C-alpha atoms as a PDB file:
ATOM      1  CA  MET A   1       0.118   0.150  -0.008  1.00  0.00           C
ATOM      2  CA  ASN A   2       1.407   3.364  -1.121  1.00  0.00           C
ATOM      3  CA  ILE A   3       1.134   6.743   0.638  1.00  0.00           C
ATOM      4  CA  ILE A   4      -1.446   7.898  -1.414  1.00  0.00           C
ATOM      5  CA  GLU A   5      -3.674   4.639  -0.938  1.00  0.00           C
ATOM      6  CA  LEU A   6      -3.020   4.875   2.871  1.00  0.00           C
ATOM      7  CA  ALA A   7      -4.146   8.694   3.016  1.00  0.00           C
ATOM      8  CA  ALA A   8      -7.454   7.695   1.078  1.00  0.00           C
ATOM      9  CA  ARG A   9      -8.462   5.221   3.852  1.00  0.00           C
ATOM     10  CA  HIS A  10     -10.033   6.102   6.951  1.00  0.00           C
ATOM     11  CA  CYS A  11      -9.591   4.766  10.631  1.00  0.00           C
ATOM     12  CA  GLN A  12     -11.775   1.964  11.992  1.00  0.00           C
ATOM     13  CA  PRO A  13     -12.183   0.951  15.671  1.00  0.00           C
ATOM     14  CA  ARG A  14      -9.491  -1.216  16.549  1.00  0.00           C
ATOM     15  CA  LYS A  15      -9.304  -2.895  19.826  1.00  0.00           C
ATOM     16  CA  GLY A  16      -7.034  -5.863  20.927  1.00  0.00           C
ATOM     17  CA  LYS A  17      -3.626  -7.448  20.056  1.00  0.00           C
ATOM     18  CA  GLU A  18      -5.175  -8.961  16.820  1.00  0.00           C
ATOM     19  CA  HIS A  19      -5.180  -5.471  15.284  1.00  0.00           C
ATOM     20  CA  ALA A  20      -1.518  -4.830  16.139  1.00  0.00           C
ATOM     21  CA  LEU A  21       0.769  -4.821  13.148  1.00  0.00           C
ATOM     22  CA  ASP A  22       3.815  -7.030  13.154  1.00  0.00           C
ATOM     23  CA  ALA A  23       7.262  -5.905  12.666  1.00  0.00           C
ATOM     24  CA  ALA A  24       7.341  -6.637   8.946  1.00  0.00           C
ATOM     25  CA  GLN A  25       4.156  -4.805   8.312  1.00  0.00           C
ATOM     26  CA  VAL A  26       5.311  -1.986  10.115  1.00  0.00           C
ATOM     27  CA  SER A  27       8.646  -1.842   8.301  1.00  0.00           C
ATOM     28  CA  GLN A  28       6.586  -2.063   4.788  1.00  0.00           C
ATOM     29  CA  LEU A  29       4.268   0.646   5.738  1.00  0.00           C
ATOM     30  CA  LEU A  30       6.976   3.060   7.330  1.00  0.00           C
ATOM     31  CA  GLN A  31       8.798   3.011   3.990  1.00  0.00           C
ATOM     32  CA  GLN A  32       5.852   4.703   2.434  1.00  0.00           C
ATOM     33  CA  LEU A  33       6.276   7.692   5.061  1.00  0.00           C
ATOM     34  CA  PRO A  34       9.194   9.936   4.500  1.00  0.00           C
ATOM     35  CA  GLY A  35      10.725  11.334   7.740  1.00  0.00           C
ATOM     36  CA  TRP A  36       8.694   9.061   9.920  1.00  0.00           C
ATOM     37  CA  GLN A  37      10.868   7.022  12.678  1.00  0.00           C
ATOM     38  CA  LEU A  38       9.844   4.140  14.679  1.00  0.00           C
ATOM     39  CA  ARG A  39       9.988   5.096  18.425  1.00  0.00           C
ATOM     40  CA  ASP A  40       9.424   3.637  21.908  1.00  0.00           C
ATOM     41  CA  ASP A  41      10.517   0.210  21.193  1.00  0.00           C
ATOM     42  CA  GLY A  42       8.427  -0.014  18.026  1.00  0.00           C
ATOM     43  CA  LEU A  43       5.256   1.088  19.837  1.00  0.00           C
ATOM     44  CA  ALA A  44       4.899   4.554  18.123  1.00  0.00           C
ATOM     45  CA  ILE A  45       5.870   6.486  14.939  1.00  0.00           C
ATOM     46  CA  THR A  46       7.048   9.972  15.230  1.00  0.00           C
ATOM     47  CA  LYS A  47       8.159  12.995  12.938  1.00  0.00           C
ATOM     48  CA  ASP A  48       9.470  16.166  13.531  1.00  0.00           C
ATOM     49  CA  PHE A  49       7.940  19.143  11.428  1.00  0.00           C
ATOM     50  CA  SER A  50       9.415  22.763  11.519  1.00  0.00           C
ATOM     51  CA  PHE A  51       7.658  25.817  10.502  1.00  0.00           C
ATOM     52  CA  THR A  52       8.634  29.506  10.085  1.00  0.00           C
ATOM     53  CA  ASP A  53       7.096  30.761  13.185  1.00  0.00           C
ATOM     54  CA  PHE A  54       4.240  29.780  16.014  1.00  0.00           C
ATOM     55  CA  HIS A  55       1.353  30.821  13.705  1.00  0.00           C
ATOM     56  CA  HIS A  56       2.212  28.410  11.209  1.00  0.00           C
ATOM     57  CA  THR A  57       2.956  25.724  14.127  1.00  0.00           C
ATOM     58  CA  LEU A  58      -0.488  26.366  15.543  1.00  0.00           C
ATOM     59  CA  GLY A  59      -2.276  26.227  12.005  1.00  0.00           C
ATOM     60  CA  PHE A  60      -0.629  22.826  11.630  1.00  0.00           C
ATOM     61  CA  ILE A  61      -1.803  21.794  14.975  1.00  0.00           C
ATOM     62  CA  ASN A  62      -5.218  22.919  14.200  1.00  0.00           C
ATOM     63  CA  ALA A  63      -5.304  21.011  11.018  1.00  0.00           C
ATOM     64  CA  VAL A  64      -4.152  17.788  12.509  1.00  0.00           C
ATOM     65  CA  GLY A  65      -6.412  18.051  15.238  1.00  0.00           C
ATOM     66  CA  PHE A  66      -9.292  18.439  13.024  1.00  0.00           C
ATOM     67  CA  MET A  67      -8.407  15.446  10.978  1.00  0.00           C
ATOM     68  CA  ALA A  68      -7.698  13.199  14.199  1.00  0.00           C
ATOM     69  CA  ASN A  69     -11.113  14.149  15.621  1.00  0.00           C
ATOM     70  CA  HIS A  70     -12.780  13.285  12.218  1.00  0.00           C
ATOM     71  CA  GLU A  71     -10.975  10.013  12.168  1.00  0.00           C
ATOM     72  CA  ASP A  72     -11.532   9.523  15.955  1.00  0.00           C
ATOM     73  CA  HIS A  73      -7.866   8.631  16.220  1.00  0.00           C
ATOM     74  CA  HIS A  74      -5.578  11.122  18.210  1.00  0.00           C
ATOM     75  CA  PRO A  75      -1.991  11.667  18.169  1.00  0.00           C
ATOM     76  CA  ASP A  76       0.438  12.925  20.935  1.00  0.00           C
ATOM     77  CA  LEU A  77       1.699  16.351  19.906  1.00  0.00           C
ATOM     78  CA  GLU A  78       4.492  18.025  21.499  1.00  0.00           C
ATOM     79  CA  ALA A  79       4.936  21.875  20.258  1.00  0.00           C
ATOM     80  CA  GLY A  80       6.899  25.137  20.652  1.00  0.00           C
ATOM     81  CA  TYR A  81       7.897  28.149  18.576  1.00  0.00           C
ATOM     82  CA  GLY A  82       8.214  26.816  14.970  1.00  0.00           C
ATOM     83  CA  HIS A  83       8.194  23.175  15.618  1.00  0.00           C
ATOM     84  CA  CYS A  84       5.932  20.234  16.486  1.00  0.00           C
ATOM     85  CA  ARG A  85       6.716  16.501  17.094  1.00  0.00           C
ATOM     86  CA  VAL A  86       3.615  14.237  16.058  1.00  0.00           C
ATOM     87  CA  SER A  87       3.344  10.728  17.434  1.00  0.00           C
ATOM     88  CA  TRP A  88       1.120   8.188  16.556  1.00  0.00           C
ATOM     89  CA  SER A  89       0.333   4.856  18.463  1.00  0.00           C
ATOM     90  CA  THR A  90      -2.847   2.874  19.211  1.00  0.00           C
ATOM     91  CA  HIS A  91      -2.966   2.394  22.859  1.00  0.00           C
ATOM     92  CA  ASP A  92      -5.978  -0.024  22.409  1.00  0.00           C
ATOM     93  CA  VAL A  93      -4.055  -2.599  20.695  1.00  0.00           C
ATOM     94  CA  GLY A  94      -0.642  -1.813  22.694  1.00  0.00           C
ATOM     95  CA  GLY A  95       1.248  -0.645  19.737  1.00  0.00           C
ATOM     96  CA  LEU A  96       0.923   0.088  16.042  1.00  0.00           C
ATOM     97  CA  SER A  97      -2.252  -0.315  13.861  1.00  0.00           C
ATOM     98  CA  LEU A  98      -2.944   0.528  10.453  1.00  0.00           C
ATOM     99  CA  ASN A  99      -4.739   3.598  11.893  1.00  0.00           C
ATOM    100  CA  ASP A 100      -1.510   5.401  12.916  1.00  0.00           C
ATOM    101  CA  PHE A 101      -0.301   4.887   9.230  1.00  0.00           C
ATOM    102  CA  ILE A 102      -3.393   6.186   7.850  1.00  0.00           C
ATOM    103  CA  CYS A 103      -3.203   9.317   9.877  1.00  0.00           C
ATOM    104  CA  ALA A 104       0.752   9.791   9.198  1.00  0.00           C
ATOM    105  CA  ALA A 105      -0.142   9.556   5.551  1.00  0.00           C
ATOM    106  CA  ARG A 106      -3.102  12.046   6.080  1.00  0.00           C
ATOM    107  CA  ILE A 107      -0.675  14.585   7.496  1.00  0.00           C
ATOM    108  CA  GLU A 108       1.793  14.093   4.665  1.00  0.00           C
ATOM    109  CA  ALA A 109      -1.363  14.682   2.219  1.00  0.00           C
ATOM    110  CA  LEU A 110      -2.192  17.817   4.155  1.00  0.00           C
ATOM    111  CA  LEU A 111       1.429  19.299   3.888  1.00  0.00           C
ATOM    112  CA  ALA A 112       1.730  18.262   0.133  1.00  0.00           C
ATOM    113  CA  HIS A 113      -0.999  21.095  -0.716  1.00  0.00           C
END
């Protein structure tokens, strides 16, 4: 599945270990997401974004928040002047699910415009 196909999908409720992706699936999907890294012993994917000022950072955070609420899948965000770190994980599966990669791909699509 490529980044365009990922971004076109929608999150589904995923609860339980059976929805957690294995290492091979994570590796394959991560290759589709430029700059995203595996963190927290493989339990999250993370990317740092840079912006020219706080105004643009806040706009990015609001756009990500809107998308996350629409998909009912929410990231951890760390932000400051000109930067934001986004981390995706699916706590209900105890690691990474397809939802994390869908949402990361949607952020990439958002920034491509």
